[in-house]
Amino acid sequence: MTTPFFTNLDMNGNRVRDAADAALPQDYVTLAQLTATSPVSFAQTFGDGVATTFNIVHNLGTEDLVWDVYEISSGDSVGVGFSRNGANAVDVTMNPAPAANAFRLVIVPAQ
């Protein structure tokens, strides 16, 4: 009889609870390693009609970022001032001050 690769699958919750260690290949990734990885993307709507600089915390754990800011009403990308504040935050600057919740910042870490 062969040992199943995974045991105690919870397909409704999309989780693998246990892996049968004897059945795993040498280069497998454990569930703990998968759940300990950094987030794969971040997005936040911003604008308040007053401020021109927004400090946005993304918690991606890296300064190697690929980003875009777009106007929500049109979907068009816009030019902004962008600066990194360490591995977990950025400043986005726009002039004039953007209207309330008018723009969206999308960030993915560079791989």
PDB file of N, CA and C in Angstrom:
ATOM      1  N   MET A   1       0.850  -1.181   0.000  1.00  0.00           N
ATOM      2  CA  MET A   1       0.000   0.000   0.000  1.00  0.00           C
ATOM      3  C   MET A   1       0.890   1.237   0.000  1.00  0.00           C
ATOM      4  N   THR A   2       0.534   2.247  -0.798  1.00  0.00           N
ATOM      5  CA  THR A   2       1.318   3.473  -0.845  1.00  0.00           C
ATOM      6  C   THR A   2       0.803   4.461   0.191  1.00  0.00           C
ATOM      7  N   THR A   3       1.708   5.281   0.707  1.00  0.00           N
ATOM      8  CA  THR A   3       1.339   6.297   1.679  1.00  0.00           C
ATOM      9  C   THR A   3       0.830   7.517   0.919  1.00  0.00           C
ATOM     10  N   PRO A   4      -0.305   8.067   1.313  1.00  0.00           N
ATOM     11  CA  PRO A   4      -0.807   9.250   0.615  1.00  0.00           C
ATOM     12  C   PRO A   4       0.142  10.429   0.827  1.00  0.00           C
ATOM     13  N   PHE A   5       0.220  11.274  -0.172  1.00  0.00           N
ATOM     14  CA  PHE A   5       1.100  12.436  -0.078  1.00  0.00           C
ATOM     15  C   PHE A   5       0.635  13.375   1.030  1.00  0.00           C
ATOM     16  N   PHE A   6      -0.663  13.657   1.085  1.00  0.00           N
ATOM     17  CA  PHE A   6      -1.215  14.503   2.140  1.00  0.00           C
ATOM     18  C   PHE A   6      -2.265  13.731   2.910  1.00  0.00           C
ATOM     19  N   THR A   7      -2.387  14.047   4.180  1.00  0.00           N
ATOM     20  CA  THR A   7      -3.449  13.491   5.003  1.00  0.00           C
ATOM     21  C   THR A   7      -4.248  14.642   5.591  1.00  0.00           C
ATOM     22  N   ASN A   8      -5.458  14.396   5.975  1.00  0.00           N
ATOM     23  CA  ASN A   8      -6.331  15.403   6.589  1.00  0.00           C
ATOM     24  C   ASN A   8      -6.509  16.648   5.726  1.00  0.00           C
ATOM     25  N   LEU A   9      -6.892  16.448   4.490  1.00  0.00           N
ATOM     26  CA  LEU A   9      -7.154  17.588   3.617  1.00  0.00           C
ATOM     27  C   LEU A   9      -8.487  18.222   3.989  1.00  0.00           C
ATOM     28  N   ASP A  10      -8.527  19.512   4.033  1.00  0.00           N
ATOM     29  CA  ASP A  10      -9.752  20.268   4.270  1.00  0.00           C
ATOM     30  C   ASP A  10      -9.983  21.117   3.032  1.00  0.00           C
ATOM     31  N   MET A  11     -10.613  20.556   2.024  1.00  0.00           N
ATOM     32  CA  MET A  11     -10.757  21.244   0.751  1.00  0.00           C
ATOM     33  C   MET A  11     -11.701  22.442   0.842  1.00  0.00           C
ATOM     34  N   ASN A  12     -12.681  22.399   1.737  1.00  0.00           N
ATOM     35  CA  ASN A  12     -13.588  23.537   1.873  1.00  0.00           C
ATOM     36  C   ASN A  12     -12.877  24.746   2.446  1.00  0.00           C
ATOM     37  N   GLY A  13     -11.931  24.510   3.356  1.00  0.00           N
ATOM     38  CA  GLY A  13     -11.165  25.602   3.932  1.00  0.00           C
ATOM     39  C   GLY A  13      -9.880  25.863   3.186  1.00  0.00           C
ATOM     40  N   ASN A  14      -9.635  25.109   2.103  1.00  0.00           N
ATOM     41  CA  ASN A  14      -8.427  25.254   1.292  1.00  0.00           C
ATOM     42  C   ASN A  14      -7.159  25.152   2.126  1.00  0.00           C
ATOM     43  N   ARG A  15      -7.116  24.180   3.036  1.00  0.00           N
ATOM     44  CA  ARG A  15      -5.945  24.010   3.879  1.00  0.00           C
ATOM     45  C   ARG A  15      -5.460  22.571   3.806  1.00  0.00           C
ATOM     46  N   VAL A  16      -4.185  22.407   3.951  1.00  0.00           N
ATOM     47  CA  VAL A  16      -3.592  21.090   4.130  1.00  0.00           C
ATOM     48  C   VAL A  16      -3.148  21.040   5.581  1.00  0.00           C
ATOM     49  N   ARG A  17      -3.714  20.144   6.355  1.00  0.00           N
ATOM     50  CA  ARG A  17      -3.411  20.130   7.783  1.00  0.00           C
ATOM     51  C   ARG A  17      -2.131  19.375   8.107  1.00  0.00           C
ATOM     52  N   ASP A  18      -1.879  18.275   7.459  1.00  0.00           N
ATOM     53  CA  ASP A  18      -0.705  17.469   7.742  1.00  0.00           C
ATOM     54  C   ASP A  18      -0.168  16.911   6.443  1.00  0.00           C
ATOM     55  N   ALA A  19       1.095  16.675   6.416  1.00  0.00           N
ATOM     56  CA  ALA A  19       1.698  15.998   5.278  1.00  0.00           C
ATOM     57  C   ALA A  19       2.336  14.721   5.786  1.00  0.00           C
ATOM     58  N   ALA A  20       2.213  13.676   5.026  1.00  0.00           N
ATOM     59  CA  ALA A  20       2.841  12.415   5.395  1.00  0.00           C
ATOM     60  C   ALA A  20       4.322  12.531   5.069  1.00  0.00           C
ATOM     61  N   ASP A  21       5.164  12.781   6.087  1.00  0.00           N
ATOM     62  CA  ASP A  21       6.583  13.057   5.888  1.00  0.00           C
ATOM     63  C   ASP A  21       7.297  12.004   5.052  1.00  0.00           C
ATOM     64  N   ALA A  22       6.961  10.747   5.252  1.00  0.00           N
ATOM     65  CA  ALA A  22       7.651   9.684   4.528  1.00  0.00           C
ATOM     66  C   ALA A  22       7.363   9.739   3.033  1.00  0.00           C
ATOM     67  N   ALA A  23       6.249  10.350   2.647  1.00  0.00           N
ATOM     68  CA  ALA A  23       5.861  10.375   1.243  1.00  0.00           C
ATOM     69  C   ALA A  23       6.336  11.630   0.514  1.00  0.00           C
ATOM     70  N   LEU A  24       6.871  12.598   1.257  1.00  0.00           N
ATOM     71  CA  LEU A  24       7.250  13.862   0.628  1.00  0.00           C
ATOM     72  C   LEU A  24       8.571  13.747  -0.103  1.00  0.00           C
ATOM     73  N   PRO A  25       8.683  14.351  -1.279  1.00  0.00           N
ATOM     74  CA  PRO A  25       9.957  14.359  -1.992  1.00  0.00           C
ATOM     75  C   PRO A  25      10.974  15.222  -1.245  1.00  0.00           C
ATOM     76  N   GLN A  26      12.214  15.092  -1.609  1.00  0.00           N
ATOM     77  CA  GLN A  26      13.287  15.773  -0.892  1.00  0.00           C
ATOM     78  C   GLN A  26      13.183  17.300  -0.982  1.00  0.00           C
ATOM     79  N   ASP A  27      12.664  17.830  -2.061  1.00  0.00           N
ATOM     80  CA  ASP A  27      12.619  19.281  -2.248  1.00  0.00           C
ATOM     81  C   ASP A  27      11.238  19.877  -1.979  1.00  0.00           C
ATOM     82  N   TYR A  28      10.460  19.259  -1.115  1.00  0.00           N
ATOM     83  CA  TYR A  28       9.116  19.754  -0.839  1.00  0.00           C
ATOM     84  C   TYR A  28       9.162  21.035   0.006  1.00  0.00           C
ATOM     85  N   VAL A  29       8.063  21.782  -0.032  1.00  0.00           N
ATOM     86  CA  VAL A  29       7.874  22.968   0.801  1.00  0.00           C
ATOM     87  C   VAL A  29       6.830  22.610   1.831  1.00  0.00           C
ATOM     88  N   THR A  30       7.129  22.890   3.083  1.00  0.00           N
ATOM     89  CA  THR A  30       6.194  22.545   4.150  1.00  0.00           C
ATOM     90  C   THR A  30       5.074  23.567   4.240  1.00  0.00           C
ATOM     91  N   LEU A  31       4.005  23.195   4.898  1.00  0.00           N
ATOM     92  CA  LEU A  31       2.896  24.106   5.121  1.00  0.00           C
ATOM     93  C   LEU A  31       3.357  25.300   5.939  1.00  0.00           C
ATOM     94  N   ALA A  32       4.212  25.089   6.920  1.00  0.00           N
ATOM     95  CA  ALA A  32       4.739  26.189   7.733  1.00  0.00           C
ATOM     96  C   ALA A  32       5.516  27.178   6.866  1.00  0.00           C
ATOM     97  N   GLN A  33       6.290  26.679   5.918  1.00  0.00           N
ATOM     98  CA  GLN A  33       7.035  27.573   5.034  1.00  0.00           C
ATOM     99  C   GLN A  33       6.093  28.371   4.140  1.00  0.00           C
ATOM    100  N   LEU A  34       5.049  27.740   3.648  1.00  0.00           N
ATOM    101  CA  LEU A  34       4.087  28.439   2.794  1.00  0.00           C
ATOM    102  C   LEU A  34       3.365  29.545   3.541  1.00  0.00           C
ATOM    103  N   THR A  35       2.969  29.277   4.768  1.00  0.00           N
ATOM    104  CA  THR A  35       2.211  30.267   5.521  1.00  0.00           C
ATOM    105  C   THR A  35       3.101  31.335   6.124  1.00  0.00           C
ATOM    106  N   ALA A  36       4.407  31.131   6.144  1.00  0.00           N
ATOM    107  CA  ALA A  36       5.329  32.114   6.702  1.00  0.00           C
ATOM    108  C   ALA A  36       5.856  33.084   5.654  1.00  0.00           C
ATOM    109  N   THR A  37       5.448  32.927   4.409  1.00  0.00           N
ATOM    110  CA  THR A  37       5.958  33.792   3.356  1.00  0.00           C
ATOM    111  C   THR A  37       5.325  35.173   3.428  1.00  0.00           C
ATOM    112  N   SER A  38       5.972  36.138   2.814  1.00  0.00           N
ATOM    113  CA  SER A  38       5.470  37.506   2.779  1.00  0.00           C
ATOM    114  C   SER A  38       4.218  37.586   1.912  1.00  0.00           C
ATOM    115  N   PRO A  39       3.411  38.621   2.146  1.00  0.00           N
ATOM    116  CA  PRO A  39       2.265  38.829   1.260  1.00  0.00           C
ATOM    117  C   PRO A  39       2.743  38.997  -0.178  1.00  0.00           C
ATOM    118  N   VAL A  40       1.909  38.645  -1.130  1.00  0.00           N
ATOM    119  CA  VAL A  40       2.325  38.703  -2.521  1.00  0.00           C
ATOM    120  C   VAL A  40       1.914  39.992  -3.220  1.00  0.00           C
ATOM    121  N   SER A  41       1.042  40.789  -2.621  1.00  0.00           N
ATOM    122  CA  SER A  41       0.676  42.069  -3.211  1.00  0.00           C
ATOM    123  C   SER A  41       0.007  42.942  -2.159  1.00  0.00           C
ATOM    124  N   PHE A  42      -0.169  44.202  -2.527  1.00  0.00           N
ATOM    125  CA  PHE A  42      -0.803  45.161  -1.624  1.00  0.00           C
ATOM    126  C   PHE A  42      -1.536  46.181  -2.486  1.00  0.00           C
ATOM    127  N   ALA A  43      -2.699  46.624  -2.042  1.00  0.00           N
ATOM    128  CA  ALA A  43      -3.429  47.688  -2.726  1.00  0.00           C
ATOM    129  C   ALA A  43      -4.170  48.517  -1.687  1.00  0.00           C
ATOM    130  N   GLN A  44      -4.193  49.840  -1.911  1.00  0.00           N
ATOM    131  CA  GLN A  44      -4.908  50.724  -0.997  1.00  0.00           C
ATOM    132  C   GLN A  44      -5.422  51.941  -1.752  1.00  0.00           C
ATOM    133  N   THR A  45      -6.662  52.287  -1.484  1.00  0.00           N
ATOM    134  CA  THR A  45      -7.266  53.498  -2.014  1.00  0.00           C
ATOM    135  C   THR A  45      -6.858  54.667  -1.124  1.00  0.00           C
ATOM    136  N   PHE A  46      -6.583  55.809  -1.736  1.00  0.00           N
ATOM    137  CA  PHE A  46      -6.193  56.972  -0.931  1.00  0.00           C
ATOM    138  C   PHE A  46      -6.702  58.255  -1.569  1.00  0.00           C
ATOM    139  N   GLY A  47      -6.570  59.335  -0.812  1.00  0.00           N
ATOM    140  CA  GLY A  47      -7.033  60.669  -1.194  1.00  0.00           C
ATOM    141  C   GLY A  47      -8.019  61.155  -0.158  1.00  0.00           C
ATOM    142  N   ASP A  48      -7.891  62.457   0.211  1.00  0.00           N
ATOM    143  CA  ASP A  48      -8.817  63.022   1.188  1.00  0.00           C
ATOM    144  C   ASP A  48      -9.215  64.454   0.851  1.00  0.00           C
ATOM    145  N   GLY A  49      -8.750  64.964  -0.294  1.00  0.00           N
ATOM    146  CA  GLY A  49      -9.081  66.319  -0.702  1.00  0.00           C
ATOM    147  C   GLY A  49      -8.248  67.396  -0.034  1.00  0.00           C
ATOM    148  N   VAL A  50      -7.364  67.017   0.914  1.00  0.00           N
ATOM    149  CA  VAL A  50      -6.568  67.996   1.656  1.00  0.00           C
ATOM    150  C   VAL A  50      -5.077  67.702   1.556  1.00  0.00           C
ATOM    151  N   ALA A  51      -4.681  66.506   1.945  1.00  0.00           N
ATOM    152  CA  ALA A  51      -3.264  66.138   1.991  1.00  0.00           C
ATOM    153  C   ALA A  51      -2.703  65.942   0.585  1.00  0.00           C
ATOM    154  N   THR A  52      -1.407  66.232   0.433  1.00  0.00           N
ATOM    155  CA  THR A  52      -0.729  65.987  -0.833  1.00  0.00           C
ATOM    156  C   THR A  52       0.280  64.846  -0.723  1.00  0.00           C
ATOM    157  N   THR A  53       0.608  64.439   0.507  1.00  0.00           N
ATOM    158  CA  THR A  53       1.521  63.315   0.736  1.00  0.00           C
ATOM    159  C   THR A  53       0.837  62.295   1.630  1.00  0.00           C
ATOM    160  N   PHE A  54       0.938  61.045   1.236  1.00  0.00           N
ATOM    161  CA  PHE A  54       0.311  59.953   1.981  1.00  0.00           C
ATOM    162  C   PHE A  54       1.372  58.924   2.338  1.00  0.00           C
ATOM    163  N   ASN A  55       1.538  58.643   3.628  1.00  0.00           N
ATOM    164  CA  ASN A  55       2.421  57.573   4.078  1.00  0.00           C
ATOM    165  C   ASN A  55       1.586  56.300   4.103  1.00  0.00           C
ATOM    166  N   ILE A  56       1.959  55.350   3.286  1.00  0.00           N
ATOM    167  CA  ILE A  56       1.180  54.119   3.150  1.00  0.00           C
ATOM    168  C   ILE A  56       2.031  52.940   3.586  1.00  0.00           C
ATOM    169  N   VAL A  57       1.543  52.205   4.575  1.00  0.00           N
ATOM    170  CA  VAL A  57       2.244  51.044   5.116  1.00  0.00           C
ATOM    171  C   VAL A  57       1.759  49.804   4.375  1.00  0.00           C
ATOM    172  N   HIS A  58       2.697  49.082   3.734  1.00  0.00           N
ATOM    173  CA  HIS A  58       2.327  47.895   2.948  1.00  0.00           C
ATOM    174  C   HIS A  58       2.780  46.591   3.598  1.00  0.00           C
ATOM    175  N   ASN A  59       3.763  46.622   4.476  1.00  0.00           N
ATOM    176  CA  ASN A  59       4.260  45.432   5.187  1.00  0.00           C
ATOM    177  C   ASN A  59       4.695  44.296   4.258  1.00  0.00           C
ATOM    178  N   LEU A  60       5.272  44.634   3.116  1.00  0.00           N
ATOM    179  CA  LEU A  60       5.771  43.600   2.201  1.00  0.00           C
ATOM    180  C   LEU A  60       7.194  43.162   2.545  1.00  0.00           C
ATOM    181  N   GLY A  61       7.861  43.886   3.416  1.00  0.00           N
ATOM    182  CA  GLY A  61       9.172  43.461   3.894  1.00  0.00           C
ATOM    183  C   GLY A  61      10.303  43.622   2.904  1.00  0.00           C
ATOM    184  N   THR A  62      10.167  44.532   1.936  1.00  0.00           N
ATOM    185  CA  THR A  62      11.226  44.745   0.950  1.00  0.00           C
ATOM    186  C   THR A  62      11.117  46.153   0.365  1.00  0.00           C
ATOM    187  N   GLU A  63      12.257  46.680  -0.074  1.00  0.00           N
ATOM    188  CA  GLU A  63      12.262  47.939  -0.806  1.00  0.00           C
ATOM    189  C   GLU A  63      12.250  47.702  -2.314  1.00  0.00           C
ATOM    190  N   ASP A  64      12.354  46.445  -2.735  1.00  0.00           N
ATOM    191  CA  ASP A  64      12.321  46.081  -4.153  1.00  0.00           C
ATOM    192  C   ASP A  64      10.862  45.922  -4.581  1.00  0.00           C
ATOM    193  N   LEU A  65      10.294  47.011  -5.080  1.00  0.00           N
ATOM    194  CA  LEU A  65       8.864  47.067  -5.355  1.00  0.00           C
ATOM    195  C   LEU A  65       8.575  47.436  -6.805  1.00  0.00           C
ATOM    196  N   VAL A  66       7.485  46.896  -7.318  1.00  0.00           N
ATOM    197  CA  VAL A  66       6.913  47.313  -8.592  1.00  0.00           C
ATOM    198  C   VAL A  66       5.551  47.895  -8.225  1.00  0.00           C
ATOM    199  N   TRP A  67       5.280  49.113  -8.689  1.00  0.00           N
ATOM    200  CA  TRP A  67       4.067  49.792  -8.236  1.00  0.00           C
ATOM    201  C   TRP A  67       3.380  50.559  -9.355  1.00  0.00           C
ATOM    202  N   ASP A  68       2.110  50.885  -9.093  1.00  0.00           N
ATOM    203  CA  ASP A  68       1.333  51.717 -10.011  1.00  0.00           C
ATOM    204  C   ASP A  68       0.299  52.468  -9.184  1.00  0.00           C
ATOM    205  N   VAL A  69       0.001  53.688  -9.593  1.00  0.00           N
ATOM    206  CA  VAL A  69      -1.103  54.455  -9.026  1.00  0.00           C
ATOM    207  C   VAL A  69      -2.048  54.773 -10.171  1.00  0.00           C
ATOM    208  N   TYR A  70      -3.342  54.517  -9.939  1.00  0.00           N
ATOM    209  CA  TYR A  70      -4.318  54.818 -10.988  1.00  0.00           C
ATOM    210  C   TYR A  70      -5.526  55.552 -10.421  1.00  0.00           C
ATOM    211  N   GLU A  71      -6.149  56.339 -11.295  1.00  0.00           N
ATOM    212  CA  GLU A  71      -7.369  57.044 -10.931  1.00  0.00           C
ATOM    213  C   GLU A  71      -8.528  56.059 -10.998  1.00  0.00           C
ATOM    214  N   ILE A  72      -9.263  55.943  -9.924  1.00  0.00           N
ATOM    215  CA  ILE A  72     -10.329  54.940  -9.851  1.00  0.00           C
ATOM    216  C   ILE A  72     -11.417  55.198 -10.887  1.00  0.00           C
ATOM    217  N   SER A  73     -11.802  56.456 -11.099  1.00  0.00           N
ATOM    218  CA  SER A  73     -12.913  56.740 -12.013  1.00  0.00           C
ATOM    219  C   SER A  73     -12.597  56.407 -13.464  1.00  0.00           C
ATOM    220  N   SER A  74     -11.340  56.565 -13.876  1.00  0.00           N
ATOM    221  CA  SER A  74     -10.990  56.320 -15.280  1.00  0.00           C
ATOM    222  C   SER A  74     -10.199  55.033 -15.496  1.00  0.00           C
ATOM    223  N   GLY A  75      -9.503  54.566 -14.441  1.00  0.00           N
ATOM    224  CA  GLY A  75      -8.627  53.412 -14.586  1.00  0.00           C
ATOM    225  C   GLY A  75      -7.271  53.768 -15.162  1.00  0.00           C
ATOM    226  N   ASP A  76      -7.035  55.059 -15.414  1.00  0.00           N
ATOM    227  CA  ASP A  76      -5.774  55.502 -16.009  1.00  0.00           C
ATOM    228  C   ASP A  76      -4.676  55.624 -14.954  1.00  0.00           C
ATOM    229  N   SER A  77      -3.480  55.142 -15.286  1.00  0.00           N
ATOM    230  CA  SER A  77      -2.315  55.326 -14.422  1.00  0.00           C
ATOM    231  C   SER A  77      -1.944  56.797 -14.415  1.00  0.00           C
ATOM    232  N   VAL A  78      -1.443  57.278 -13.275  1.00  0.00           N
ATOM    233  CA  VAL A  78      -1.068  58.681 -13.131  1.00  0.00           C
ATOM    234  C   VAL A  78       0.345  58.780 -12.576  1.00  0.00           C
ATOM    235  N   GLY A  79       1.008  59.885 -12.888  1.00  0.00           N
ATOM    236  CA  GLY A  79       2.331  60.148 -12.352  1.00  0.00           C
ATOM    237  C   GLY A  79       2.230  60.717 -10.945  1.00  0.00           C
ATOM    238  N   VAL A  80       3.041  60.191 -10.053  1.00  0.00           N
ATOM    239  CA  VAL A  80       3.071  60.649  -8.659  1.00  0.00           C
ATOM    240  C   VAL A  80       4.514  60.671  -8.182  1.00  0.00           C
ATOM    241  N   GLY A  81       4.751  61.368  -7.080  1.00  0.00           N
ATOM    242  CA  GLY A  81       6.018  61.238  -6.390  1.00  0.00           C
ATOM    243  C   GLY A  81       5.955  59.978  -5.539  1.00  0.00           C
ATOM    244  N   PHE A  82       7.005  59.184  -5.575  1.00  0.00           N
ATOM    245  CA  PHE A  82       7.001  57.900  -4.870  1.00  0.00           C
ATOM    246  C   PHE A  82       8.344  57.738  -4.185  1.00  0.00           C
ATOM    247  N   SER A  83       8.333  57.517  -2.872  1.00  0.00           N
ATOM    248  CA  SER A  83       9.590  57.258  -2.163  1.00  0.00           C
ATOM    249  C   SER A  83       9.392  56.145  -1.153  1.00  0.00           C
ATOM    250  N   ARG A  84      10.417  55.331  -0.993  1.00  0.00           N
ATOM    251  CA  ARG A  84      10.385  54.207  -0.068  1.00  0.00           C
ATOM    252  C   ARG A  84      10.792  54.674   1.326  1.00  0.00           C
ATOM    253  N   ASN A  85      10.074  54.213   2.322  1.00  0.00           N
ATOM    254  CA  ASN A  85      10.390  54.494   3.726  1.00  0.00           C
ATOM    255  C   ASN A  85      10.751  53.191   4.413  1.00  0.00           C
ATOM    256  N   GLY A  86      11.867  52.597   4.027  1.00  0.00           N
ATOM    257  CA  GLY A  86      12.241  51.306   4.574  1.00  0.00           C
ATOM    258  C   GLY A  86      11.536  50.189   3.835  1.00  0.00           C
ATOM    259  N   ALA A  87      11.522  49.019   4.466  1.00  0.00           N
ATOM    260  CA  ALA A  87      11.023  47.814   3.805  1.00  0.00           C
ATOM    261  C   ALA A  87       9.512  47.638   3.889  1.00  0.00           C
ATOM    262  N   ASN A  88       8.807  48.536   4.624  1.00  0.00           N
ATOM    263  CA  ASN A  88       7.380  48.290   4.853  1.00  0.00           C
ATOM    264  C   ASN A  88       6.456  49.473   4.611  1.00  0.00           C
ATOM    265  N   ALA A  89       6.980  50.571   4.065  1.00  0.00           N
ATOM    266  CA  ALA A  89       6.126  51.735   3.851  1.00  0.00           C
ATOM    267  C   ALA A  89       6.657  52.573   2.687  1.00  0.00           C
ATOM    268  N   VAL A  90       5.757  53.358   2.101  1.00  0.00           N
ATOM    269  CA  VAL A  90       6.120  54.287   1.028  1.00  0.00           C
ATOM    270  C   VAL A  90       5.383  55.601   1.253  1.00  0.00           C
ATOM    271  N   ASP A  91       5.914  56.667   0.641  1.00  0.00           N
ATOM    272  CA  ASP A  91       5.205  57.943   0.577  1.00  0.00           C
ATOM    273  C   ASP A  91       4.780  58.164  -0.865  1.00  0.00           C
ATOM    274  N   VAL A  92       3.532  58.547  -1.051  1.00  0.00           N
ATOM    275  CA  VAL A  92       3.010  58.905  -2.368  1.00  0.00           C
ATOM    276  C   VAL A  92       2.632  60.377  -2.300  1.00  0.00           C
ATOM    277  N   THR A  93       3.165  61.177  -3.242  1.00  0.00           N
ATOM    278  CA  THR A  93       2.919  62.621  -3.259  1.00  0.00           C
ATOM    279  C   THR A  93       2.225  63.009  -4.555  1.00  0.00           C
ATOM    280  N   MET A  94       1.148  63.803  -4.416  1.00  0.00           N
ATOM    281  CA  MET A  94       0.402  64.306  -5.570  1.00  0.00           C
ATOM    282  C   MET A  94       0.090  65.778  -5.334  1.00  0.00           C
ATOM    283  N   ASN A  95       0.130  66.568  -6.410  1.00  0.00           N
ATOM    284  CA  ASN A  95      -0.221  67.963  -6.294  1.00  0.00           C
ATOM    285  C   ASN A  95      -1.000  68.355  -7.540  1.00  0.00           C
ATOM    286  N   PRO A  96      -2.263  68.789  -7.401  1.00  0.00           N
ATOM    287  CA  PRO A  96      -2.959  69.165  -6.179  1.00  0.00           C
ATOM    288  C   PRO A  96      -3.415  67.955  -5.363  1.00  0.00           C
ATOM    289  N   ALA A  97      -3.951  68.238  -4.181  1.00  0.00           N
ATOM    290  CA  ALA A  97      -4.433  67.172  -3.302  1.00  0.00           C
ATOM    291  C   ALA A  97      -5.527  66.366  -3.997  1.00  0.00           C
ATOM    292  N   PRO A  98      -5.393  65.043  -3.989  1.00  0.00           N
ATOM    293  CA  PRO A  98      -6.418  64.215  -4.647  1.00  0.00           C
ATOM    294  C   PRO A  98      -7.725  64.188  -3.855  1.00  0.00           C
ATOM    295  N   ALA A  99      -8.830  64.098  -4.566  1.00  0.00           N
ATOM    296  CA  ALA A  99     -10.147  64.001  -3.937  1.00  0.00           C
ATOM    297  C   ALA A  99     -10.243  62.738  -3.087  1.00  0.00           C
ATOM    298  N   ALA A 100     -11.221  62.707  -2.215  1.00  0.00           N
ATOM    299  CA  ALA A 100     -11.397  61.578  -1.292  1.00  0.00           C
ATOM    300  C   ALA A 100     -11.522  60.261  -2.053  1.00  0.00           C
ATOM    301  N   ASN A 101     -10.644  59.315  -1.695  1.00  0.00           N
ATOM    302  CA  ASN A 101     -10.667  57.958  -2.250  1.00  0.00           C
ATOM    303  C   ASN A 101     -10.692  57.932  -3.774  1.00  0.00           C
ATOM    304  N   ALA A 102      -9.945  58.844  -4.400  1.00  0.00           N
ATOM    305  CA  ALA A 102      -9.963  58.964  -5.857  1.00  0.00           C
ATOM    306  C   ALA A 102      -8.894  58.127  -6.555  1.00  0.00           C
ATOM    307  N   PHE A 103      -7.865  57.688  -5.812  1.00  0.00           N
ATOM    308  CA  PHE A 103      -6.750  56.978  -6.425  1.00  0.00           C
ATOM    309  C   PHE A 103      -6.462  55.689  -5.683  1.00  0.00           C
ATOM    310  N   ARG A 104      -5.807  54.780  -6.396  1.00  0.00           N
ATOM    311  CA  ARG A 104      -5.469  53.474  -5.804  1.00  0.00           C
ATOM    312  C   ARG A 104      -4.008  53.173  -6.107  1.00  0.00           C
ATOM    313  N   LEU A 105      -3.286  52.777  -5.055  1.00  0.00           N
ATOM    314  CA  LEU A 105      -1.898  52.334  -5.146  1.00  0.00           C
ATOM    315  C   LEU A 105      -1.874  50.811  -5.137  1.00  0.00           C
ATOM    316  N   VAL A 106      -1.159  50.216  -6.086  1.00  0.00           N
ATOM    317  CA  VAL A 106      -1.003  48.766  -6.146  1.00  0.00           C
ATOM    318  C   VAL A 106       0.492  48.481  -6.131  1.00  0.00           C
ATOM    319  N   ILE A 107       0.919  47.575  -5.244  1.00  0.00           N
ATOM    320  CA  ILE A 107       2.343  47.242  -5.104  1.00  0.00           C
ATOM    321  C   ILE A 107       2.514  45.727  -5.117  1.00  0.00           C
ATOM    322  N   VAL A 108       3.528  45.257  -5.813  1.00  0.00           N
ATOM    323  CA  VAL A 108       3.965  43.864  -5.712  1.00  0.00           C
ATOM    324  C   VAL A 108       5.467  43.882  -5.461  1.00  0.00           C
ATOM    325  N   PRO A 109       5.971  42.973  -4.636  1.00  0.00           N
ATOM    326  CA  PRO A 109       7.413  42.909  -4.447  1.00  0.00           C
ATOM    327  C   PRO A 109       8.077  42.333  -5.688  1.00  0.00           C
ATOM    328  N   ALA A 110       9.231  42.880  -6.039  1.00  0.00           N
ATOM    329  CA  ALA A 110       9.994  42.356  -7.174  1.00  0.00           C
ATOM    330  C   ALA A 110      10.593  41.022  -6.771  1.00  0.00           C
ATOM    331  N   GLN A 111      10.577  40.066  -7.658  1.00  0.00           N
ATOM    332  CA  GLN A 111      11.098  38.740  -7.334  1.00  0.00           C
ATOM    333  C   GLN A 111      12.468  38.544  -7.921  1.00  0.00           C
TER     334      GLN A 111
END
